[in-house]
């Protein structure tokens, strides 16, 4: 029997909060981020337009961003779960609609510098932050990063796919998983779209699941 591949969402799944959304009320120069968020949810603009516009509206230096990221906490069981999966030689990949600088910083802060992940890009130029979307789906307006494309690239064989997530951007890749762990918006979307899933409150529930498997 082939080993599965386990895919993790990042914000509100690995982390204890949504790191990007948490930055907006703290560092935005105006309330335009609220309008952008509303327009995205109503389908008036794409996720790329929303994220890029919100990023442009931030009054944030690299130093202040690093200070903010240093306070981000992980789910208390994430490291235990990661250790268990590695012990079982199960491949793990993180898929996020957040930005690479943010993921790298948080993983490094928690002593996890070698996790494989796919996400959007964030660069700094002349004191400004610039968003890049090299993994976007040309026909998709929902996500900046096409998680489905990344998932299918990493699970190109017939390995069982496990997906763990909580949000709207997880609903598309979850369709390709044999086992879905869902909470929050993802659980509601799975119910609506008749996708079978296992509810979870924290990664401790996922740890218990894998700990009982060979």
N, C-alpha and C. Protein backbone atom coordinates (compact mmCIF):
# COMPACT_ATOMS: atom_id res chain seq x y z
N UNK A 1 0.84 -1.20 0.00
CA UNK A 1 0.00 0.00 0.00
C UNK A 1 0.88 1.25 0.00
N UNK A 2 0.57 2.19 -0.91
CA UNK A 2 1.37 3.39 -1.02
C UNK A 2 1.14 4.32 0.17
N UNK A 3 2.23 5.02 0.54
CA UNK A 3 2.11 6.02 1.60
C UNK A 3 1.29 7.21 1.09
N UNK A 4 0.47 7.80 1.95
CA UNK A 4 -0.30 8.97 1.52
C UNK A 4 0.57 10.22 1.44
N UNK A 5 0.02 11.25 0.84
CA UNK A 5 0.61 12.58 0.89
C UNK A 5 -0.37 13.45 1.69
N UNK A 6 0.15 14.17 2.68
CA UNK A 6 -0.69 15.00 3.54
C UNK A 6 -0.45 16.47 3.20
N UNK A 7 -1.51 17.17 2.83
CA UNK A 7 -1.45 18.58 2.49
C UNK A 7 -2.10 19.40 3.61
N UNK A 8 -1.38 20.42 4.06
CA UNK A 8 -1.87 21.33 5.10
C UNK A 8 -2.16 22.70 4.50
N UNK A 9 -3.30 23.27 4.81
CA UNK A 9 -3.48 24.71 4.68
C UNK A 9 -2.61 25.37 5.75
N UNK A 10 -2.39 26.68 5.62
CA UNK A 10 -1.50 27.38 6.56
C UNK A 10 -2.27 28.18 7.61
N UNK A 11 -2.92 29.27 7.18
CA UNK A 11 -3.59 30.16 8.14
C UNK A 11 -4.81 29.51 8.77
N UNK A 12 -4.87 29.58 10.08
CA UNK A 12 -5.97 29.00 10.87
C UNK A 12 -5.97 27.48 10.86
N UNK A 13 -4.95 26.88 10.26
CA UNK A 13 -4.81 25.43 10.28
C UNK A 13 -3.50 25.09 10.99
N UNK A 14 -2.38 25.51 10.41
CA UNK A 14 -1.08 25.37 11.08
C UNK A 14 -0.93 26.48 12.12
N UNK A 15 -1.32 27.69 11.74
CA UNK A 15 -1.22 28.82 12.68
C UNK A 15 -2.51 28.93 13.49
N UNK A 16 -2.40 29.63 14.60
CA UNK A 16 -3.55 29.81 15.49
C UNK A 16 -4.43 30.98 15.07
N UNK A 17 -4.06 31.68 13.98
CA UNK A 17 -4.83 32.82 13.49
C UNK A 17 -4.59 32.96 11.99
N UNK A 18 -5.31 33.89 11.37
CA UNK A 18 -5.03 34.23 9.98
C UNK A 18 -4.01 35.36 10.00
N UNK A 19 -2.77 35.06 9.63
CA UNK A 19 -1.69 36.02 9.83
C UNK A 19 -1.83 37.25 8.93
N UNK A 20 -2.26 37.05 7.69
CA UNK A 20 -2.39 38.21 6.80
C UNK A 20 -3.58 39.07 7.20
N UNK A 21 -4.72 38.45 7.44
CA UNK A 21 -5.90 39.22 7.85
C UNK A 21 -5.64 39.97 9.15
N UNK A 22 -4.81 39.40 10.03
CA UNK A 22 -4.49 40.06 11.28
C UNK A 22 -3.68 41.33 11.10
N UNK A 23 -2.93 41.41 9.99
CA UNK A 23 -2.12 42.59 9.71
C UNK A 23 -2.96 43.78 9.27
N UNK A 24 -4.09 43.51 8.63
CA UNK A 24 -4.84 44.58 7.96
C UNK A 24 -5.36 45.66 8.91
N UNK A 25 -6.08 45.31 9.99
CA UNK A 25 -6.54 46.38 10.89
C UNK A 25 -5.40 47.05 11.65
N UNK A 26 -4.28 46.35 11.80
CA UNK A 26 -3.17 46.90 12.56
C UNK A 26 -2.33 47.89 11.76
N UNK A 27 -2.14 47.63 10.47
CA UNK A 27 -1.14 48.38 9.70
C UNK A 27 -1.69 49.10 8.47
N UNK A 28 -2.98 48.95 8.15
CA UNK A 28 -3.51 49.61 6.96
C UNK A 28 -3.64 51.11 7.18
N UNK A 29 -3.26 51.87 6.14
CA UNK A 29 -3.33 53.33 6.24
C UNK A 29 -4.76 53.84 6.19
N UNK A 30 -5.63 53.12 5.48
CA UNK A 30 -7.03 53.51 5.34
C UNK A 30 -7.91 52.27 5.57
N UNK A 31 -9.20 52.46 5.42
CA UNK A 31 -10.14 51.34 5.54
C UNK A 31 -10.43 50.69 4.19
N UNK A 32 -9.64 51.00 3.17
CA UNK A 32 -9.89 50.45 1.83
C UNK A 32 -9.80 48.92 1.83
N UNK A 33 -9.03 48.34 2.74
CA UNK A 33 -8.90 46.88 2.78
C UNK A 33 -10.25 46.21 3.02
N UNK A 34 -11.14 46.91 3.75
CA UNK A 34 -12.46 46.36 4.02
C UNK A 34 -13.28 46.31 2.73
N UNK A 35 -13.21 47.39 1.93
CA UNK A 35 -13.91 47.43 0.65
C UNK A 35 -13.39 46.37 -0.30
N UNK A 36 -12.08 46.18 -0.34
CA UNK A 36 -11.48 45.17 -1.20
C UNK A 36 -11.95 43.77 -0.79
N UNK A 37 -11.98 43.53 0.51
CA UNK A 37 -12.42 42.23 1.01
C UNK A 37 -13.87 41.98 0.64
N UNK A 38 -14.71 42.99 0.79
CA UNK A 38 -16.13 42.85 0.46
C UNK A 38 -16.32 42.61 -1.04
N UNK A 39 -15.57 43.36 -1.87
CA UNK A 39 -15.69 43.19 -3.32
C UNK A 39 -15.22 41.81 -3.76
N UNK A 40 -14.19 41.27 -3.11
CA UNK A 40 -13.72 39.92 -3.45
C UNK A 40 -14.78 38.88 -3.09
N UNK A 41 -15.35 39.01 -1.90
CA UNK A 41 -16.35 38.03 -1.47
C UNK A 41 -17.59 38.05 -2.35
N UNK A 42 -17.88 39.21 -2.94
CA UNK A 42 -19.04 39.33 -3.82
C UNK A 42 -18.70 39.01 -5.27
N UNK A 43 -17.43 38.65 -5.53
CA UNK A 43 -17.02 38.26 -6.87
C UNK A 43 -16.74 39.42 -7.81
N UNK A 44 -16.65 40.63 -7.28
CA UNK A 44 -16.42 41.80 -8.14
C UNK A 44 -14.97 41.92 -8.57
N UNK A 45 -14.06 41.43 -7.73
CA UNK A 45 -12.63 41.45 -8.05
C UNK A 45 -12.05 40.08 -7.74
N UNK A 46 -10.88 39.80 -8.31
CA UNK A 46 -10.22 38.53 -8.06
C UNK A 46 -9.47 38.56 -6.74
N UNK A 47 -9.07 37.39 -6.27
CA UNK A 47 -8.26 37.31 -5.07
C UNK A 47 -6.93 38.04 -5.25
N UNK A 48 -6.36 37.94 -6.45
CA UNK A 48 -5.09 38.61 -6.71
C UNK A 48 -5.23 40.12 -6.56
N UNK A 49 -6.32 40.67 -7.12
CA UNK A 49 -6.56 42.11 -6.99
C UNK A 49 -6.75 42.50 -5.53
N UNK A 50 -7.49 41.67 -4.80
CA UNK A 50 -7.76 41.95 -3.39
C UNK A 50 -6.48 41.94 -2.57
N UNK A 51 -5.70 40.87 -2.70
CA UNK A 51 -4.47 40.73 -1.91
C UNK A 51 -3.46 41.81 -2.26
N UNK A 52 -3.27 42.07 -3.56
CA UNK A 52 -2.31 43.09 -3.99
C UNK A 52 -2.71 44.47 -3.49
N UNK A 53 -4.01 44.79 -3.57
CA UNK A 53 -4.49 46.08 -3.10
C UNK A 53 -4.35 46.23 -1.60
N UNK A 54 -4.67 45.17 -0.86
CA UNK A 54 -4.53 45.23 0.60
C UNK A 54 -3.07 45.37 1.00
N UNK A 55 -2.19 44.69 0.29
CA UNK A 55 -0.76 44.78 0.59
C UNK A 55 -0.24 46.19 0.34
N UNK A 56 -0.68 46.81 -0.76
CA UNK A 56 -0.26 48.17 -1.07
C UNK A 56 -0.70 49.17 -0.02
N UNK A 57 -1.81 48.88 0.63
CA UNK A 57 -2.36 49.80 1.61
C UNK A 57 -1.72 49.72 2.99
N UNK A 58 -0.77 48.81 3.17
CA UNK A 58 -0.14 48.64 4.48
C UNK A 58 0.99 49.63 4.69
N UNK A 59 1.04 50.21 5.86
CA UNK A 59 2.17 51.04 6.27
C UNK A 59 3.04 50.17 7.17
N UNK A 60 4.00 49.48 6.56
CA UNK A 60 4.70 48.41 7.26
C UNK A 60 6.10 48.27 6.73
N UNK A 61 7.09 48.39 7.60
CA UNK A 61 8.48 48.16 7.21
C UNK A 61 8.81 46.68 7.38
N UNK A 62 9.93 46.28 6.83
CA UNK A 62 10.35 44.90 7.00
C UNK A 62 10.57 44.59 8.49
N UNK A 63 11.11 45.55 9.22
CA UNK A 63 11.36 45.32 10.65
C UNK A 63 10.06 45.16 11.42
N UNK A 64 9.08 46.03 11.14
CA UNK A 64 7.81 45.93 11.87
C UNK A 64 7.05 44.66 11.46
N UNK A 65 7.21 44.23 10.21
CA UNK A 65 6.61 42.97 9.79
C UNK A 65 7.24 41.81 10.54
N UNK A 66 8.56 41.83 10.66
CA UNK A 66 9.25 40.76 11.39
C UNK A 66 8.82 40.72 12.85
N UNK A 67 8.63 41.89 13.45
CA UNK A 67 8.18 41.94 14.85
C UNK A 67 6.78 41.35 14.98
N UNK A 68 5.92 41.68 14.05
CA UNK A 68 4.56 41.13 14.08
C UNK A 68 4.59 39.61 13.92
N UNK A 69 5.37 39.12 12.97
CA UNK A 69 5.42 37.68 12.70
C UNK A 69 6.05 36.91 13.86
N UNK A 70 6.90 37.55 14.62
CA UNK A 70 7.53 36.86 15.75
C UNK A 70 6.52 36.48 16.83
N UNK A 71 5.35 37.12 16.80
CA UNK A 71 4.33 36.82 17.80
C UNK A 71 3.29 35.81 17.34
N UNK A 72 3.41 35.32 16.12
CA UNK A 72 2.42 34.37 15.59
C UNK A 72 2.66 32.99 16.19
N UNK A 73 1.61 32.40 16.72
CA UNK A 73 1.69 31.07 17.35
C UNK A 73 1.16 30.00 16.39
N UNK A 74 1.70 28.80 16.54
CA UNK A 74 1.23 27.66 15.78
C UNK A 74 0.20 26.88 16.59
N UNK A 75 -0.59 26.05 15.90
CA UNK A 75 -1.42 25.09 16.62
C UNK A 75 -0.51 24.29 17.54
N UNK A 76 -0.86 24.13 18.82
CA UNK A 76 0.03 23.49 19.79
C UNK A 76 0.46 22.08 19.40
N UNK A 77 -0.31 21.41 18.55
CA UNK A 77 0.01 20.03 18.20
C UNK A 77 0.69 19.89 16.84
N UNK A 78 0.94 21.00 16.15
CA UNK A 78 1.48 20.88 14.80
C UNK A 78 2.84 20.17 14.78
N UNK A 79 3.73 20.54 15.67
CA UNK A 79 5.05 19.91 15.67
C UNK A 79 4.96 18.43 16.00
N UNK A 80 4.08 18.08 16.93
CA UNK A 80 3.90 16.65 17.26
C UNK A 80 3.36 15.88 16.05
N UNK A 81 2.39 16.48 15.37
CA UNK A 81 1.81 15.83 14.20
C UNK A 81 2.86 15.69 13.09
N UNK A 82 3.63 16.73 12.88
CA UNK A 82 4.68 16.69 11.87
C UNK A 82 5.69 15.59 12.19
N UNK A 83 6.07 15.51 13.46
CA UNK A 83 7.01 14.47 13.88
C UNK A 83 6.46 13.07 13.66
N UNK A 84 5.17 12.89 13.95
CA UNK A 84 4.53 11.59 13.76
C UNK A 84 4.51 11.21 12.28
N UNK A 85 4.17 12.16 11.41
CA UNK A 85 4.12 11.88 9.98
C UNK A 85 5.50 11.56 9.43
N UNK A 86 6.50 12.27 9.92
CA UNK A 86 7.86 11.98 9.47
C UNK A 86 8.31 10.61 9.95
N UNK A 87 7.93 10.24 11.16
CA UNK A 87 8.27 8.92 11.69
C UNK A 87 7.64 7.82 10.83
N UNK A 88 6.46 8.09 10.32
CA UNK A 88 5.77 7.13 9.46
C UNK A 88 6.19 7.27 8.00
N UNK A 89 7.14 8.18 7.74
CA UNK A 89 7.65 8.43 6.38
C UNK A 89 6.53 8.86 5.42
N UNK A 90 5.67 9.73 5.94
CA UNK A 90 4.57 10.28 5.14
C UNK A 90 4.95 11.68 4.68
N UNK A 91 4.84 11.92 3.40
CA UNK A 91 5.19 13.20 2.79
C UNK A 91 4.19 14.28 3.20
N UNK A 92 4.72 15.45 3.55
CA UNK A 92 3.86 16.57 3.95
C UNK A 92 4.19 17.80 3.10
N UNK A 93 3.14 18.53 2.71
CA UNK A 93 3.28 19.74 1.89
C UNK A 93 2.29 20.78 2.41
N UNK A 94 2.73 22.03 2.46
CA UNK A 94 1.87 23.14 2.89
C UNK A 94 1.42 23.93 1.67
N UNK A 95 0.14 24.19 1.56
CA UNK A 95 -0.44 24.99 0.48
C UNK A 95 -1.11 26.21 1.07
N UNK A 96 -0.72 27.39 0.61
CA UNK A 96 -1.24 28.62 1.23
C UNK A 96 -1.52 29.69 0.20
N UNK A 97 -2.52 30.52 0.47
CA UNK A 97 -2.78 31.71 -0.35
C UNK A 97 -2.16 32.95 0.30
N UNK A 98 -1.27 32.71 1.24
CA UNK A 98 -0.50 33.78 1.88
C UNK A 98 0.80 33.97 1.09
N UNK A 99 1.79 34.61 1.70
CA UNK A 99 3.01 34.99 0.99
C UNK A 99 4.24 34.30 1.56
N UNK A 100 5.21 34.05 0.66
CA UNK A 100 6.39 33.25 1.03
C UNK A 100 7.20 33.86 2.17
N UNK A 101 7.36 35.18 2.18
CA UNK A 101 8.14 35.81 3.25
C UNK A 101 7.51 35.53 4.61
N UNK A 102 6.19 35.54 4.66
CA UNK A 102 5.47 35.31 5.91
C UNK A 102 5.63 33.86 6.36
N UNK A 103 5.43 32.91 5.44
CA UNK A 103 5.58 31.50 5.81
C UNK A 103 7.01 31.18 6.25
N UNK A 104 7.98 31.65 5.47
CA UNK A 104 9.38 31.37 5.81
C UNK A 104 9.72 31.91 7.20
N UNK A 105 9.29 33.14 7.48
CA UNK A 105 9.61 33.76 8.77
C UNK A 105 8.99 32.99 9.93
N UNK A 106 7.73 32.63 9.79
CA UNK A 106 7.04 31.94 10.88
C UNK A 106 7.63 30.55 11.10
N UNK A 107 7.88 29.81 10.03
CA UNK A 107 8.48 28.49 10.18
C UNK A 107 9.88 28.58 10.78
N UNK A 108 10.64 29.56 10.36
CA UNK A 108 11.99 29.74 10.92
C UNK A 108 11.90 30.10 12.40
N UNK A 109 10.97 30.98 12.76
CA UNK A 109 10.81 31.38 14.16
C UNK A 109 10.49 30.19 15.07
N UNK A 110 9.84 29.18 14.49
CA UNK A 110 9.44 28.01 15.28
C UNK A 110 10.34 26.80 15.04
N UNK A 111 11.51 27.04 14.45
CA UNK A 111 12.47 25.96 14.26
C UNK A 111 12.07 24.94 13.22
N UNK A 112 11.34 25.40 12.18
CA UNK A 112 10.87 24.50 11.12
C UNK A 112 11.25 25.07 9.75
N UNK A 113 12.54 25.22 9.47
CA UNK A 113 12.95 25.90 8.25
C UNK A 113 12.86 25.07 6.98
N UNK A 114 12.64 23.76 7.10
CA UNK A 114 12.74 22.90 5.92
C UNK A 114 11.41 22.36 5.43
N UNK A 115 10.32 22.93 5.86
CA UNK A 115 9.00 22.48 5.38
C UNK A 115 8.80 22.88 3.92
N UNK A 116 8.26 21.97 3.15
CA UNK A 116 7.97 22.28 1.75
C UNK A 116 6.62 22.98 1.66
N UNK A 117 6.60 24.10 0.94
CA UNK A 117 5.33 24.82 0.80
C UNK A 117 5.23 25.49 -0.56
N UNK A 118 3.98 25.77 -0.95
CA UNK A 118 3.67 26.53 -2.15
C UNK A 118 2.78 27.70 -1.73
N UNK A 119 3.06 28.89 -2.26
CA UNK A 119 2.25 30.05 -1.90
C UNK A 119 2.55 31.20 -2.86
N UNK A 120 2.02 32.38 -2.58
CA UNK A 120 2.30 33.57 -3.36
C UNK A 120 3.65 34.16 -2.95
N UNK A 121 4.10 35.16 -3.72
CA UNK A 121 5.41 35.77 -3.46
C UNK A 121 5.25 37.18 -2.89
N UNK A 122 6.21 37.55 -2.04
CA UNK A 122 6.25 38.90 -1.48
C UNK A 122 7.68 39.41 -1.60
N UNK A 123 7.84 40.57 -2.24
CA UNK A 123 9.16 41.18 -2.38
C UNK A 123 9.12 42.60 -1.86
N UNK A 124 10.30 43.12 -1.56
CA UNK A 124 10.44 44.48 -1.04
C UNK A 124 11.23 45.31 -2.05
N UNK A 125 10.71 46.48 -2.39
CA UNK A 125 11.40 47.36 -3.34
C UNK A 125 11.14 48.80 -2.97
N UNK A 126 12.23 49.54 -2.73
CA UNK A 126 12.12 50.97 -2.38
C UNK A 126 11.17 51.19 -1.21
N UNK A 127 11.26 50.31 -0.21
CA UNK A 127 10.44 50.46 0.98
C UNK A 127 9.01 50.01 0.82
N UNK A 128 8.67 49.44 -0.33
CA UNK A 128 7.31 48.98 -0.58
C UNK A 128 7.27 47.47 -0.69
N UNK A 129 6.13 46.89 -0.34
CA UNK A 129 5.92 45.45 -0.50
C UNK A 129 5.15 45.20 -1.79
N UNK A 130 5.62 44.24 -2.55
CA UNK A 130 5.01 43.95 -3.85
C UNK A 130 4.59 42.50 -3.89
N UNK A 131 3.35 42.25 -4.31
CA UNK A 131 2.81 40.90 -4.38
C UNK A 131 3.09 40.28 -5.74
N UNK A 132 3.38 38.98 -5.73
CA UNK A 132 3.56 38.23 -6.96
C UNK A 132 2.74 36.94 -6.90
N UNK A 133 2.20 36.53 -8.03
CA UNK A 133 1.32 35.36 -8.06
C UNK A 133 1.75 34.38 -9.15
N UNK A 134 2.92 33.77 -8.99
CA UNK A 134 3.43 32.86 -10.02
C UNK A 134 2.66 31.55 -10.13
N UNK A 135 1.86 31.21 -9.12
CA UNK A 135 1.15 29.94 -9.11
C UNK A 135 -0.36 30.12 -9.24
N UNK A 136 -0.77 31.23 -9.82
CA UNK A 136 -2.20 31.49 -9.96
C UNK A 136 -2.78 30.67 -11.10
N UNK A 137 -4.07 30.42 -11.01
CA UNK A 137 -4.79 29.77 -12.09
C UNK A 137 -5.37 30.83 -13.00
N UNK A 138 -5.04 30.83 -14.29
CA UNK A 138 -5.46 31.92 -15.18
C UNK A 138 -6.96 32.12 -15.26
N UNK A 139 -7.72 31.06 -15.02
CA UNK A 139 -9.18 31.18 -15.14
C UNK A 139 -9.88 31.31 -13.79
N UNK A 140 -9.09 31.33 -12.71
CA UNK A 140 -9.68 31.34 -11.37
C UNK A 140 -9.57 32.73 -10.75
N UNK A 141 -10.69 33.23 -10.23
CA UNK A 141 -10.70 34.53 -9.57
C UNK A 141 -10.77 34.38 -8.05
N UNK A 142 -10.84 33.14 -7.57
CA UNK A 142 -11.05 32.93 -6.14
C UNK A 142 -9.75 33.04 -5.36
N UNK A 143 -8.65 32.47 -5.90
CA UNK A 143 -7.40 32.35 -5.14
C UNK A 143 -6.23 32.97 -5.90
N UNK A 144 -5.28 33.53 -5.17
CA UNK A 144 -4.05 34.00 -5.79
C UNK A 144 -3.16 32.83 -6.16
N UNK A 145 -3.17 31.80 -5.34
CA UNK A 145 -2.40 30.57 -5.56
C UNK A 145 -3.37 29.44 -5.85
N UNK A 146 -3.19 28.79 -6.98
CA UNK A 146 -4.05 27.66 -7.32
C UNK A 146 -3.57 26.43 -6.55
N UNK A 147 -4.18 26.18 -5.41
CA UNK A 147 -3.78 25.06 -4.57
C UNK A 147 -3.99 23.72 -5.27
N UNK A 148 -5.02 23.65 -6.09
CA UNK A 148 -5.29 22.39 -6.79
C UNK A 148 -4.13 22.02 -7.71
N UNK A 149 -3.62 22.99 -8.46
CA UNK A 149 -2.49 22.71 -9.36
C UNK A 149 -1.28 22.23 -8.59
N UNK A 150 -0.99 22.87 -7.47
CA UNK A 150 0.17 22.47 -6.65
C UNK A 150 -0.04 21.08 -6.06
N UNK A 151 -1.26 20.81 -5.60
CA UNK A 151 -1.57 19.50 -5.02
C UNK A 151 -1.38 18.40 -6.06
N UNK A 152 -1.90 18.59 -7.25
CA UNK A 152 -1.81 17.56 -8.27
C UNK A 152 -0.36 17.36 -8.75
N UNK A 153 0.44 18.41 -8.69
CA UNK A 153 1.85 18.28 -9.06
C UNK A 153 2.62 17.46 -8.04
N UNK A 154 2.25 17.59 -6.77
CA UNK A 154 2.95 16.87 -5.70
C UNK A 154 2.43 15.46 -5.52
N UNK A 155 1.23 15.19 -5.96
CA UNK A 155 0.65 13.85 -5.84
C UNK A 155 0.34 13.33 -7.25
N UNK A 156 1.39 13.21 -8.03
CA UNK A 156 1.23 12.88 -9.44
C UNK A 156 0.97 11.40 -9.68
N UNK A 157 1.23 10.55 -8.68
CA UNK A 157 0.98 9.13 -8.82
C UNK A 157 -0.40 8.76 -8.32
N UNK A 158 -0.49 7.59 -7.73
CA UNK A 158 -1.78 7.15 -7.18
C UNK A 158 -1.74 7.10 -5.66
N UNK A 159 -0.91 7.96 -5.05
CA UNK A 159 -0.85 8.01 -3.59
C UNK A 159 -2.17 8.53 -3.02
N UNK A 160 -2.63 7.98 -1.91
CA UNK A 160 -3.80 8.56 -1.24
C UNK A 160 -3.51 10.00 -0.80
N UNK A 161 -4.47 10.88 -1.01
CA UNK A 161 -4.30 12.29 -0.68
C UNK A 161 -5.13 12.62 0.55
N UNK A 162 -4.46 13.22 1.54
CA UNK A 162 -5.13 13.73 2.74
C UNK A 162 -5.03 15.25 2.70
N UNK A 163 -6.14 15.94 3.02
CA UNK A 163 -6.13 17.40 3.01
C UNK A 163 -6.68 17.92 4.33
N UNK A 164 -5.98 18.91 4.89
CA UNK A 164 -6.37 19.50 6.18
C UNK A 164 -6.51 21.01 5.98
N UNK A 165 -7.72 21.54 6.18
CA UNK A 165 -7.90 22.96 5.96
C UNK A 165 -9.11 23.53 6.67
N UNK A 166 -9.33 24.83 6.41
CA UNK A 166 -10.43 25.50 7.12
C UNK A 166 -11.15 26.56 6.31
N UNK A 167 -10.64 26.89 5.11
CA UNK A 167 -11.16 28.07 4.45
C UNK A 167 -11.68 27.86 3.04
N UNK A 168 -12.12 28.96 2.44
CA UNK A 168 -12.71 28.95 1.11
C UNK A 168 -11.72 28.44 0.06
N UNK A 169 -10.45 28.84 0.17
CA UNK A 169 -9.45 28.45 -0.82
C UNK A 169 -9.11 26.97 -0.75
N UNK A 170 -9.60 26.28 0.28
CA UNK A 170 -9.33 24.84 0.43
C UNK A 170 -10.39 23.97 -0.24
N UNK A 171 -11.50 24.58 -0.63
CA UNK A 171 -12.62 23.77 -1.11
C UNK A 171 -12.33 23.12 -2.45
N UNK A 172 -11.54 23.76 -3.29
CA UNK A 172 -11.21 23.18 -4.60
C UNK A 172 -10.24 22.00 -4.45
N UNK A 173 -9.08 22.15 -3.80
CA UNK A 173 -8.18 21.00 -3.67
C UNK A 173 -8.76 19.86 -2.85
N UNK A 174 -9.66 20.17 -1.93
CA UNK A 174 -10.27 19.12 -1.10
C UNK A 174 -11.04 18.11 -1.95
N UNK A 175 -11.50 18.52 -3.12
CA UNK A 175 -12.26 17.61 -4.00
C UNK A 175 -11.39 16.45 -4.50
N UNK A 176 -10.08 16.64 -4.47
CA UNK A 176 -9.17 15.62 -5.00
C UNK A 176 -8.61 14.72 -3.91
N UNK A 177 -9.00 14.94 -2.67
CA UNK A 177 -8.48 14.16 -1.55
C UNK A 177 -9.38 12.98 -1.23
N UNK A 178 -8.73 11.90 -0.82
CA UNK A 178 -9.50 10.74 -0.36
C UNK A 178 -10.01 10.95 1.06
N UNK A 179 -9.23 11.71 1.85
CA UNK A 179 -9.64 12.03 3.23
C UNK A 179 -9.47 13.53 3.43
N UNK A 180 -10.53 14.20 3.87
CA UNK A 180 -10.51 15.63 4.13
C UNK A 180 -10.80 15.88 5.61
N UNK A 181 -9.92 16.63 6.26
CA UNK A 181 -10.17 17.14 7.60
C UNK A 181 -10.59 18.60 7.44
N UNK A 182 -11.77 18.95 7.93
CA UNK A 182 -12.30 20.28 7.69
C UNK A 182 -12.86 20.91 8.95
N UNK A 183 -12.69 22.21 9.05
CA UNK A 183 -13.35 23.02 10.08
C UNK A 183 -13.71 24.36 9.44
N UNK A 184 -14.44 25.18 10.17
CA UNK A 184 -14.76 26.52 9.69
C UNK A 184 -15.48 26.53 8.36
N UNK A 185 -15.09 27.47 7.50
CA UNK A 185 -15.73 27.65 6.20
C UNK A 185 -15.61 26.40 5.33
N UNK A 186 -14.48 25.71 5.42
CA UNK A 186 -14.32 24.50 4.60
C UNK A 186 -15.35 23.45 4.96
N UNK A 187 -15.64 23.26 6.23
CA UNK A 187 -16.63 22.26 6.61
C UNK A 187 -18.01 22.63 6.08
N UNK A 188 -18.33 23.91 6.09
CA UNK A 188 -19.63 24.34 5.56
C UNK A 188 -19.70 24.12 4.04
N UNK A 189 -18.59 24.39 3.35
CA UNK A 189 -18.58 24.20 1.90
C UNK A 189 -18.62 22.71 1.54
N UNK A 190 -17.94 21.89 2.34
CA UNK A 190 -17.98 20.44 2.10
C UNK A 190 -19.41 19.91 2.25
N UNK A 191 -20.11 20.38 3.26
CA UNK A 191 -21.50 19.98 3.44
C UNK A 191 -22.35 20.42 2.25
N UNK A 192 -22.14 21.65 1.81
CA UNK A 192 -22.92 22.21 0.71
C UNK A 192 -22.66 21.45 -0.59
N UNK A 193 -21.39 21.07 -0.80
CA UNK A 193 -21.00 20.43 -2.07
C UNK A 193 -20.95 18.91 -1.98
N UNK A 194 -21.41 18.40 -0.83
CA UNK A 194 -21.49 16.95 -0.62
C UNK A 194 -20.12 16.27 -0.75
N UNK A 195 -19.12 16.91 -0.13
CA UNK A 195 -17.78 16.33 -0.04
C UNK A 195 -17.65 15.69 1.33
N UNK A 196 -17.34 14.41 1.38
CA UNK A 196 -17.16 13.74 2.67
C UNK A 196 -15.96 14.34 3.41
N UNK A 197 -16.11 14.53 4.73
CA UNK A 197 -14.99 15.08 5.49
C UNK A 197 -15.06 14.62 6.94
N UNK A 198 -13.93 14.73 7.60
CA UNK A 198 -13.84 14.47 9.03
C UNK A 198 -13.70 15.81 9.74
N UNK A 199 -14.62 16.16 10.63
CA UNK A 199 -14.49 17.43 11.34
C UNK A 199 -13.34 17.38 12.35
N UNK A 200 -12.69 18.53 12.51
CA UNK A 200 -11.65 18.61 13.53
C UNK A 200 -11.69 20.00 14.16
N UNK A 201 -11.30 20.08 15.40
CA UNK A 201 -11.23 21.36 16.10
C UNK A 201 -9.81 21.90 16.15
N UNK A 202 -8.85 21.00 16.30
CA UNK A 202 -7.44 21.37 16.30
C UNK A 202 -6.66 20.22 15.70
N UNK A 203 -5.37 20.42 15.47
CA UNK A 203 -4.55 19.36 14.89
C UNK A 203 -4.33 18.20 15.85
N UNK A 204 -4.72 18.35 17.10
CA UNK A 204 -4.69 17.22 18.04
C UNK A 204 -5.64 16.12 17.54
N UNK A 205 -6.77 16.49 16.96
CA UNK A 205 -7.70 15.51 16.41
C UNK A 205 -7.08 14.76 15.24
N UNK A 206 -6.34 15.48 14.40
CA UNK A 206 -5.68 14.86 13.26
C UNK A 206 -4.55 13.94 13.74
N UNK A 207 -3.85 14.39 14.77
CA UNK A 207 -2.78 13.56 15.35
C UNK A 207 -3.35 12.22 15.84
N UNK A 208 -4.47 12.27 16.54
CA UNK A 208 -5.08 11.03 17.04
C UNK A 208 -5.43 10.10 15.89
N UNK A 209 -5.91 10.65 14.79
CA UNK A 209 -6.27 9.83 13.64
C UNK A 209 -5.04 9.08 13.12
N UNK A 210 -3.97 9.80 12.85
CA UNK A 210 -2.78 9.17 12.27
C UNK A 210 -2.07 8.27 13.29
N UNK A 211 -2.20 8.57 14.55
CA UNK A 211 -1.53 7.77 15.56
C UNK A 211 -2.15 6.37 15.68
N UNK A 212 -3.37 6.20 15.21
CA UNK A 212 -4.03 4.90 15.26
C UNK A 212 -3.85 4.10 13.97
N UNK A 213 -3.18 4.70 12.98
CA UNK A 213 -2.97 4.03 11.70
C UNK A 213 -1.59 3.39 11.65
N UNK A 214 -1.43 2.31 10.87
CA UNK A 214 -0.12 1.68 10.76
C UNK A 214 0.90 2.59 10.07
